[in-house]
Amino acid sequence: SATDEAEHTLETSNVQKFNTGSWNAIDNPDNL
């Protein structure tokens, strides 16, 4: 859902930050 494969239905999920470009060094939803 952070790629062109899919869309996550729940708009409040943090995965949407990848799609809107609103992720950064402080807030990365995939910070592993």
Full PDB file with SEQRES, HELIX, SHEET, SSBOND, CRYST1, ORIGX, SCALE, CONECT and MASTER records, all heavy atoms in Angstrom:
SEQRES   1 A   32  SER ALA THR ASP GLU ALA GLU HIS THR LEU GLU THR SER          
SEQRES   2 A   32  ASN VAL GLN LYS PHE ASN THR GLY SER TRP ASN ALA ILE          
SEQRES   3 A   32  ASP ASN PRO ASP ASN LEU                                      
HELIX    1 AA1 GLN A   16  THR A   20  1                                   5    
CRYST1    1.000    1.000    1.000  90.00  90.00  90.00 P 1           1          
ORIGX1      1.000000  0.000000  0.000000        0.00000                         
ORIGX2      0.000000  1.000000  0.000000        0.00000                         
ORIGX3      0.000000  0.000000  1.000000        0.00000                         
SCALE1      1.000000  0.000000  0.000000        0.00000                         
SCALE2      0.000000  1.000000  0.000000        0.00000                         
SCALE3      0.000000  0.000000  1.000000        0.00000                         
ATOM      1  N   SER A   1       0.808  -1.220   0.000  1.00  0.00           N  
ATOM      2  CA  SER A   1       0.000   0.000   0.000  1.00  0.00           C  
ATOM      3  C   SER A   1       0.839   1.266   0.000  1.00  0.00           C  
ATOM      4  O   SER A   1       0.292   2.371  -0.093  1.00  0.00           O  
ATOM      5  CB  SER A   1      -0.955   0.002   1.198  1.00  0.00           C  
ATOM      6  OG  SER A   1      -1.935  -1.007   1.050  1.00  0.00           O  
ATOM      7  N   ALA A   2       2.154   1.125   0.117  1.00  0.00           N  
ATOM      8  CA  ALA A   2       3.062   2.256  -0.028  1.00  0.00           C  
ATOM      9  C   ALA A   2       3.700   2.248  -1.412  1.00  0.00           C  
ATOM     10  O   ALA A   2       4.656   2.978  -1.654  1.00  0.00           O  
ATOM     11  CB  ALA A   2       4.147   2.211   1.045  1.00  0.00           C  
ATOM     12  N   THR A   3       3.153   1.421  -2.322  1.00  0.00           N  
ATOM     13  CA  THR A   3       3.644   1.325  -3.689  1.00  0.00           C  
ATOM     14  C   THR A   3       2.455   1.414  -4.641  1.00  0.00           C  
ATOM     15  O   THR A   3       1.317   1.588  -4.215  1.00  0.00           O  
ATOM     16  CB  THR A   3       4.391  -0.001  -3.930  1.00  0.00           C  
ATOM     17  OG1 THR A   3       3.428  -1.058  -4.068  1.00  0.00           O  
ATOM     18  CG2 THR A   3       5.339  -0.322  -2.779  1.00  0.00           C  
ATOM     19  N   ASP A   4       2.735   1.228  -5.923  1.00  0.00           N  
ATOM     20  CA  ASP A   4       1.659   1.249  -6.909  1.00  0.00           C  
ATOM     21  C   ASP A   4       0.913  -0.075  -6.991  1.00  0.00           C  
ATOM     22  O   ASP A   4       0.068  -0.264  -7.869  1.00  0.00           O  
ATOM     23  CB  ASP A   4       2.197   1.629  -8.295  1.00  0.00           C  
ATOM     24  CG  ASP A   4       3.259   0.666  -8.805  1.00  0.00           C  
ATOM     25  OD1 ASP A   4       3.757  -0.164  -8.023  1.00  0.00           O  
ATOM     26  OD2 ASP A   4       3.615   0.757  -9.997  1.00  0.00           O  
ATOM     27  N   GLU A   5       1.186  -0.996  -6.077  1.00  0.00           N  
ATOM     28  CA  GLU A   5       0.457  -2.263  -6.046  1.00  0.00           C  
ATOM     29  C   GLU A   5      -0.922  -2.125  -5.424  1.00  0.00           C  
ATOM     30  O   GLU A   5      -1.820  -2.907  -5.761  1.00  0.00           O  
ATOM     31  CB  GLU A   5       1.232  -3.311  -5.244  1.00  0.00           C  
ATOM     32  CG  GLU A   5       2.481  -3.828  -5.917  1.00  0.00           C  
ATOM     33  CD  GLU A   5       3.154  -4.919  -5.111  1.00  0.00           C  
ATOM     34  OE1 GLU A   5       3.160  -4.839  -3.865  1.00  0.00           O  
ATOM     35  OE2 GLU A   5       3.684  -5.851  -5.731  1.00  0.00           O  
ATOM     36  N   ALA A   6      -1.098  -1.186  -4.495  1.00  0.00           N  
ATOM     37  CA  ALA A   6      -2.323  -1.213  -3.701  1.00  0.00           C  
ATOM     38  C   ALA A   6      -2.602   0.126  -3.032  1.00  0.00           C  
ATOM     39  O   ALA A   6      -1.737   1.002  -2.945  1.00  0.00           O  
ATOM     40  CB  ALA A   6      -2.225  -2.316  -2.639  1.00  0.00           C  
ATOM     41  N   GLU A   7      -3.821   0.223  -2.521  1.00  0.00           N  
ATOM     42  CA  GLU A   7      -4.264   1.321  -1.670  1.00  0.00           C  
ATOM     43  C   GLU A   7      -4.809   0.724  -0.383  1.00  0.00           C  
ATOM     44  O   GLU A   7      -5.577  -0.249  -0.418  1.00  0.00           O  
ATOM     45  CB  GLU A   7      -5.364   2.134  -2.361  1.00  0.00           C  
ATOM     46  CG  GLU A   7      -6.109   3.109  -1.468  1.00  0.00           C  
ATOM     47  CD  GLU A   7      -5.292   4.335  -1.089  1.00  0.00           C  
ATOM     48  OE1 GLU A   7      -4.110   4.425  -1.474  1.00  0.00           O  
ATOM     49  OE2 GLU A   7      -5.844   5.227  -0.395  1.00  0.00           O  
ATOM     50  N   HIS A   8      -4.399   1.272   0.759  1.00  0.00           N  
ATOM     51  CA  HIS A   8      -4.948   0.813   2.029  1.00  0.00           C  
ATOM     52  C   HIS A   8      -6.247   1.566   2.295  1.00  0.00           C  
ATOM     53  O   HIS A   8      -6.291   2.793   2.236  1.00  0.00           O  
ATOM     54  CB  HIS A   8      -3.955   1.036   3.171  1.00  0.00           C  
ATOM     55  CG  HIS A   8      -4.337   0.325   4.429  1.00  0.00           C  
ATOM     56  ND1 HIS A   8      -4.375  -1.048   4.525  1.00  0.00           N  
ATOM     57  CD2 HIS A   8      -4.729   0.792   5.640  1.00  0.00           C  
ATOM     58  CE1 HIS A   8      -4.743  -1.393   5.745  1.00  0.00           C  
ATOM     59  NE2 HIS A   8      -4.975  -0.303   6.434  1.00  0.00           N  
ATOM     60  N   THR A   9      -7.291   0.811   2.600  1.00  0.00           N  
ATOM     61  CA  THR A   9      -8.616   1.409   2.710  1.00  0.00           C  
ATOM     62  C   THR A   9      -8.704   2.425   3.840  1.00  0.00           C  
ATOM     63  O   THR A   9      -9.319   3.480   3.687  1.00  0.00           O  
ATOM     64  CB  THR A   9      -9.667   0.295   2.926  1.00  0.00           C  
ATOM     65  OG1 THR A   9      -9.572  -0.636   1.847  1.00  0.00           O  
ATOM     66  CG2 THR A   9     -11.062   0.881   2.981  1.00  0.00           C  
ATOM     67  N   LEU A  10      -8.089   2.122   4.962  1.00  0.00           N  
ATOM     68  CA  LEU A  10      -8.169   3.014   6.118  1.00  0.00           C  
ATOM     69  C   LEU A  10      -7.255   4.216   5.896  1.00  0.00           C  
ATOM     70  O   LEU A  10      -6.031   4.100   5.930  1.00  0.00           O  
ATOM     71  CB  LEU A  10      -7.766   2.269   7.391  1.00  0.00           C  
ATOM     72  CG  LEU A  10      -7.936   3.024   8.713  1.00  0.00           C  
ATOM     73  CD1 LEU A  10      -9.399   3.356   8.955  1.00  0.00           C  
ATOM     74  CD2 LEU A  10      -7.375   2.210   9.865  1.00  0.00           C  
ATOM     75  N   GLU A  11      -7.856   5.370   5.680  1.00  0.00           N  
ATOM     76  CA  GLU A  11      -7.074   6.557   5.322  1.00  0.00           C  
ATOM     77  C   GLU A  11      -6.227   7.079   6.466  1.00  0.00           C  
ATOM     78  O   GLU A  11      -5.266   7.809   6.245  1.00  0.00           O  
ATOM     79  CB  GLU A  11      -8.007   7.651   4.810  1.00  0.00           C  
ATOM     80  CG  GLU A  11      -8.672   7.297   3.486  1.00  0.00           C  
ATOM     81  CD  GLU A  11      -9.513   8.432   2.936  1.00  0.00           C  
ATOM     82  OE1 GLU A  11      -9.573   9.494   3.585  1.00  0.00           O  
ATOM     83  OE2 GLU A  11     -10.102   8.243   1.859  1.00  0.00           O  
ATOM     84  N   THR A  12      -6.576   6.725   7.701  1.00  0.00           N  
ATOM     85  CA  THR A  12      -5.804   7.211   8.852  1.00  0.00           C  
ATOM     86  C   THR A  12      -4.571   6.366   9.133  1.00  0.00           C  
ATOM     87  O   THR A  12      -3.788   6.710  10.019  1.00  0.00           O  
ATOM     88  CB  THR A  12      -6.694   7.241  10.106  1.00  0.00           C  
ATOM     89  OG1 THR A  12      -7.229   5.930  10.336  1.00  0.00           O  
ATOM     90  CG2 THR A  12      -7.835   8.244   9.942  1.00  0.00           C  
ATOM     91  N   SER A  13      -4.378   5.263   8.405  1.00  0.00           N  
ATOM     92  CA  SER A  13      -3.183   4.449   8.617  1.00  0.00           C  
ATOM     93  C   SER A  13      -1.942   5.235   8.237  1.00  0.00           C  
ATOM     94  O   SER A  13      -1.916   5.973   7.256  1.00  0.00           O  
ATOM     95  CB  SER A  13      -3.252   3.172   7.775  1.00  0.00           C  
ATOM     96  OG  SER A  13      -2.014   2.489   7.803  1.00  0.00           O  
ATOM     97  N   ASN A  14      -0.890   5.045   9.000  1.00  0.00           N  
ATOM     98  CA  ASN A  14       0.364   5.760   8.738  1.00  0.00           C  
ATOM     99  C   ASN A  14       0.997   5.397   7.409  1.00  0.00           C  
ATOM    100  O   ASN A  14       1.859   6.119   6.913  1.00  0.00           O  
ATOM    101  CB  ASN A  14       1.367   5.493   9.868  1.00  0.00           C  
ATOM    102  CG  ASN A  14       1.079   6.295  11.109  1.00  0.00           C  
ATOM    103  OD1 ASN A  14       0.526   7.385  11.041  1.00  0.00           O  
ATOM    104  ND2 ASN A  14       1.421   5.757  12.272  1.00  0.00           N  
ATOM    105  N   VAL A  15       0.574   4.277   6.805  1.00  0.00           N  
ATOM    106  CA  VAL A  15       1.138   3.915   5.505  1.00  0.00           C  
ATOM    107  C   VAL A  15       0.842   4.988   4.465  1.00  0.00           C  
ATOM    108  O   VAL A  15       1.590   5.163   3.496  1.00  0.00           O  
ATOM    109  CB  VAL A  15       0.599   2.538   5.043  1.00  0.00           C  
ATOM    110  CG1 VAL A  15      -0.837   2.639   4.545  1.00  0.00           C  
ATOM    111  CG2 VAL A  15       1.500   1.932   3.972  1.00  0.00           C  
ATOM    112  N   GLN A  16      -0.239   5.759   4.673  1.00  0.00           N  
ATOM    113  CA  GLN A  16      -0.608   6.800   3.711  1.00  0.00           C  
ATOM    114  C   GLN A  16       0.441   7.913   3.637  1.00  0.00           C  
ATOM    115  O   GLN A  16       0.504   8.639   2.632  1.00  0.00           O  
ATOM    116  CB  GLN A  16      -1.970   7.407   4.081  1.00  0.00           C  
ATOM    117  CG  GLN A  16      -3.110   6.399   4.169  1.00  0.00           C  
ATOM    118  CD  GLN A  16      -3.533   5.832   2.827  1.00  0.00           C  
ATOM    119  OE1 GLN A  16      -2.923   6.110   1.797  1.00  0.00           O  
ATOM    120  NE2 GLN A  16      -4.569   5.009   2.827  1.00  0.00           N  
ATOM    121  N   LYS A  17       1.274   8.034   4.662  1.00  0.00           N  
ATOM    122  CA  LYS A  17       2.299   9.085   4.640  1.00  0.00           C  
ATOM    123  C   LYS A  17       3.289   8.876   3.502  1.00  0.00           C  
ATOM    124  O   LYS A  17       3.830   9.842   2.963  1.00  0.00           O  
ATOM    125  CB  LYS A  17       3.020   9.138   5.982  1.00  0.00           C  
ATOM    126  CG  LYS A  17       2.120   9.603   7.128  1.00  0.00           C  
ATOM    127  CD  LYS A  17       2.841   9.609   8.470  1.00  0.00           C  
ATOM    128  CE  LYS A  17       1.879  10.075   9.571  1.00  0.00           C  
ATOM    129  NZ  LYS A  17       2.533  10.078  10.893  1.00  0.00           N  
ATOM    130  N   PHE A  18       3.529   7.614   3.130  1.00  0.00           N  
ATOM    131  CA  PHE A  18       4.405   7.361   1.987  1.00  0.00           C  
ATOM    132  C   PHE A  18       3.770   7.876   0.699  1.00  0.00           C  
ATOM    133  O   PHE A  18       4.469   8.338  -0.207  1.00  0.00           O  
ATOM    134  CB  PHE A  18       4.694   5.862   1.864  1.00  0.00           C  
ATOM    135  CG  PHE A  18       5.697   5.352   2.850  1.00  0.00           C  
ATOM    136  CD1 PHE A  18       5.304   4.586   3.938  1.00  0.00           C  
ATOM    137  CD2 PHE A  18       7.048   5.645   2.711  1.00  0.00           C  
ATOM    138  CE1 PHE A  18       6.228   4.117   4.856  1.00  0.00           C  
ATOM    139  CE2 PHE A  18       7.987   5.183   3.617  1.00  0.00           C  
ATOM    140  CZ  PHE A  18       7.572   4.419   4.700  1.00  0.00           C  
ATOM    141  N   ASN A  19       2.464   7.803   0.602  1.00  0.00           N  
ATOM    142  CA  ASN A  19       1.786   8.173  -0.628  1.00  0.00           C  
ATOM    143  C   ASN A  19       1.585   9.682  -0.753  1.00  0.00           C  
ATOM    144  O   ASN A  19       1.519  10.205  -1.862  1.00  0.00           O  
ATOM    145  CB  ASN A  19       0.434   7.457  -0.690  1.00  0.00           C  
ATOM    146  CG  ASN A  19       0.593   5.952  -0.558  1.00  0.00           C  
ATOM    147  OD1 ASN A  19       1.575   5.385  -1.034  1.00  0.00           O  
ATOM    148  ND2 ASN A  19      -0.350   5.299   0.096  1.00  0.00           N  
ATOM    149  N   THR A  20       1.502  10.369   0.368  1.00  0.00           N  
ATOM    150  CA  THR A  20       1.348  11.824   0.350  1.00  0.00           C  
ATOM    151  C   THR A  20       2.688  12.545   0.439  1.00  0.00           C  
ATOM    152  O   THR A  20       2.743  13.770   0.309  1.00  0.00           O  
ATOM    153  CB  THR A  20       0.452  12.279   1.510  1.00  0.00           C  
ATOM    154  OG1 THR A  20       1.054  11.898   2.758  1.00  0.00           O  
ATOM    155  CG2 THR A  20      -0.939  11.655   1.413  1.00  0.00           C  
ATOM    156  N   GLY A  21       3.760  11.795   0.676  1.00  0.00           N  
ATOM    157  CA  GLY A  21       5.082  12.402   0.804  1.00  0.00           C  
ATOM    158  C   GLY A  21       5.301  13.080   2.138  1.00  0.00           C  
ATOM    159  O   GLY A  21       6.224  13.888   2.286  1.00  0.00           O  
ATOM    160  N   SER A  22       4.498  12.737   3.149  1.00  0.00           N  
ATOM    161  CA  SER A  22       4.572  13.434   4.439  1.00  0.00           C  
ATOM    162  C   SER A  22       5.353  12.645   5.482  1.00  0.00           C  
ATOM    163  O   SER A  22       5.042  12.677   6.668  1.00  0.00           O  
ATOM    164  CB  SER A  22       3.162  13.721   4.956  1.00  0.00           C  
ATOM    165  OG  SER A  22       2.404  12.534   5.065  1.00  0.00           O  
ATOM    166  N   TRP A  23       6.375  11.914   5.034  1.00  0.00           N  
ATOM    167  CA  TRP A  23       7.233  11.184   5.962  1.00  0.00           C  
ATOM    168  C   TRP A  23       8.620  11.804   5.950  1.00  0.00           C  
ATOM    169  O   TRP A  23       9.003  12.472   4.991  1.00  0.00           O  
ATOM    170  CB  TRP A  23       7.284   9.699   5.614  1.00  0.00           C  
ATOM    171  CG  TRP A  23       7.722   9.376   4.218  1.00  0.00           C  
ATOM    172  CD1 TRP A  23       7.058   9.653   3.054  1.00  0.00           C  
ATOM    173  CD2 TRP A  23       8.927   8.706   3.832  1.00  0.00           C  
ATOM    174  NE1 TRP A  23       7.773   9.198   1.968  1.00  0.00           N  
ATOM    175  CE2 TRP A  23       8.909   8.608   2.406  1.00  0.00           C  
ATOM    176  CE3 TRP A  23       9.992   8.167   4.531  1.00  0.00           C  
ATOM    177  CZ2 TRP A  23       9.940   7.996   1.688  1.00  0.00           C  
ATOM    178  CZ3 TRP A  23      11.010   7.551   3.812  1.00  0.00           C  
ATOM    179  CH2 TRP A  23      10.978   7.464   2.418  1.00  0.00           C  
ATOM    180  N   ASN A  24       9.358  11.610   7.012  1.00  0.00           N  
ATOM    181  CA  ASN A  24      10.662  12.270   7.139  1.00  0.00           C  
ATOM    182  C   ASN A  24      11.508  11.553   8.180  1.00  0.00           C  
ATOM    183  O   ASN A  24      11.144  10.461   8.646  1.00  0.00           O  
ATOM    184  CB  ASN A  24      10.465  13.747   7.506  1.00  0.00           C  
ATOM    185  CG  ASN A  24       9.561  13.929   8.713  1.00  0.00           C  
ATOM    186  OD1 ASN A  24       9.766  13.312   9.752  1.00  0.00           O  
ATOM    187  ND2 ASN A  24       8.529  14.767   8.558  1.00  0.00           N  
ATOM    188  N   ALA A  25      12.628  12.163   8.546  1.00  0.00           N  
ATOM    189  CA  ALA A  25      13.568  11.522   9.474  1.00  0.00           C  
ATOM    190  C   ALA A  25      13.013  11.386  10.882  1.00  0.00           C  
ATOM    191  O   ALA A  25      13.488  10.555  11.661  1.00  0.00           O  
ATOM    192  CB  ALA A  25      14.875  12.319   9.510  1.00  0.00           C  
ATOM    193  N   ILE A  26      12.015  12.197  11.215  1.00  0.00           N  
ATOM    194  CA  ILE A  26      11.394  12.114  12.535  1.00  0.00           C  
ATOM    195  C   ILE A  26      10.220  11.150  12.519  1.00  0.00           C  
ATOM    196  O   ILE A  26       9.971  10.438  13.486  1.00  0.00           O  
ATOM    197  CB  ILE A  26      10.940  13.515  12.997  1.00  0.00           C  
ATOM    198  CG1 ILE A  26      12.159  14.436  13.134  1.00  0.00           C  
ATOM    199  CG2 ILE A  26      10.169  13.442  14.309  1.00  0.00           C  
ATOM    200  CD1 ILE A  26      11.801  15.875  13.428  1.00  0.00           C  
ATOM    201  N   ASP A  27       9.505  11.120  11.425  1.00  0.00           N  
ATOM    202  CA  ASP A  27       8.282  10.326  11.327  1.00  0.00           C  
ATOM    203  C   ASP A  27       8.338   9.453  10.076  1.00  0.00           C  
ATOM    204  O   ASP A  27       7.931   9.859   8.989  1.00  0.00           O  
ATOM    205  CB  ASP A  27       7.067  11.265  11.273  1.00  0.00           C  
ATOM    206  CG  ASP A  27       5.749  10.503  11.283  1.00  0.00           C  
ATOM    207  OD1 ASP A  27       5.771   9.279  11.471  1.00  0.00           O  
ATOM    208  OD2 ASP A  27       4.699  11.155  11.106  1.00  0.00           O  
ATOM    209  N   ASN A  28       8.878   8.241  10.230  1.00  0.00           N  
ATOM    210  CA  ASN A  28       8.955   7.266   9.146  1.00  0.00           C  
ATOM    211  C   ASN A  28       8.136   6.048   9.552  1.00  0.00           C  
ATOM    212  O   ASN A  28       8.517   5.317  10.466  1.00  0.00           O  
ATOM    213  CB  ASN A  28      10.407   6.868   8.886  1.00  0.00           C  
ATOM    214  CG  ASN A  28      10.555   5.835   7.777  1.00  0.00           C  
ATOM    215  OD1 ASN A  28       9.574   5.281   7.287  1.00  0.00           O  
ATOM    216  ND2 ASN A  28      11.787   5.554   7.388  1.00  0.00           N  
ATOM    217  N   PRO A  29       7.005   5.793   8.898  1.00  0.00           N  
ATOM    218  CA  PRO A  29       6.142   4.682   9.306  1.00  0.00           C  
ATOM    219  C   PRO A  29       6.800   3.305   9.181  1.00  0.00           C  
ATOM    220  O   PRO A  29       6.306   2.346   9.758  1.00  0.00           O  
ATOM    221  CB  PRO A  29       4.941   4.796   8.357  1.00  0.00           C  
ATOM    222  CG  PRO A  29       4.950   6.215   7.892  1.00  0.00           C  
ATOM    223  CD  PRO A  29       6.390   6.605   7.822  1.00  0.00           C  
ATOM    224  N   ASP A  30       7.880   3.211   8.423  1.00  0.00           N  
ATOM    225  CA  ASP A  30       8.579   1.935   8.243  1.00  0.00           C  
ATOM    226  C   ASP A  30       9.967   2.005   8.865  1.00  0.00           C  
ATOM    227  O   ASP A  30      10.922   1.413   8.360  1.00  0.00           O  
ATOM    228  CB  ASP A  30       8.668   1.594   6.750  1.00  0.00           C  
ATOM    229  CG  ASP A  30       9.200   0.184   6.493  1.00  0.00           C  
ATOM    230  OD1 ASP A  30       8.788  -0.743   7.211  1.00  0.00           O  
ATOM    231  OD2 ASP A  30      10.011   0.010   5.572  1.00  0.00           O  
ATOM    232  N   ASN A  31      10.085   2.707   9.971  1.00  0.00           N  
ATOM    233  CA  ASN A  31      11.390   2.865  10.615  1.00  0.00           C  
ATOM    234  C   ASN A  31      11.734   1.595  11.392  1.00  0.00           C  
ATOM    235  O   ASN A  31      11.286   1.385  12.513  1.00  0.00           O  
ATOM    236  CB  ASN A  31      11.366   4.063  11.563  1.00  0.00           C  
ATOM    237  CG  ASN A  31      12.700   4.252  12.271  1.00  0.00           C  
ATOM    238  OD1 ASN A  31      13.716   3.674  11.879  1.00  0.00           O  
ATOM    239  ND2 ASN A  31      12.709   5.046  13.317  1.00  0.00           N  
ATOM    240  N   LEU A  32      12.529   0.734  10.766  1.00  0.00           N  
ATOM    241  CA  LEU A  32      12.919  -0.529  11.380  1.00  0.00           C  
ATOM    242  C   LEU A  32      14.390  -0.535  11.792  1.00  0.00           C  
ATOM    243  O   LEU A  32      14.971  -1.599  12.025  1.00  0.00           O  
ATOM    244  CB  LEU A  32      12.641  -1.680  10.409  1.00  0.00           C  
ATOM    245  CG  LEU A  32      11.166  -1.882  10.042  1.00  0.00           C  
ATOM    246  CD1 LEU A  32      11.011  -2.991   9.011  1.00  0.00           C  
ATOM    247  CD2 LEU A  32      10.325  -2.191  11.272  1.00  0.00           C  
TER     248      LEU A  32                                                      
MASTER        0    0    0    1    0    0    0    6  247    1    0    3          
END                                                                             
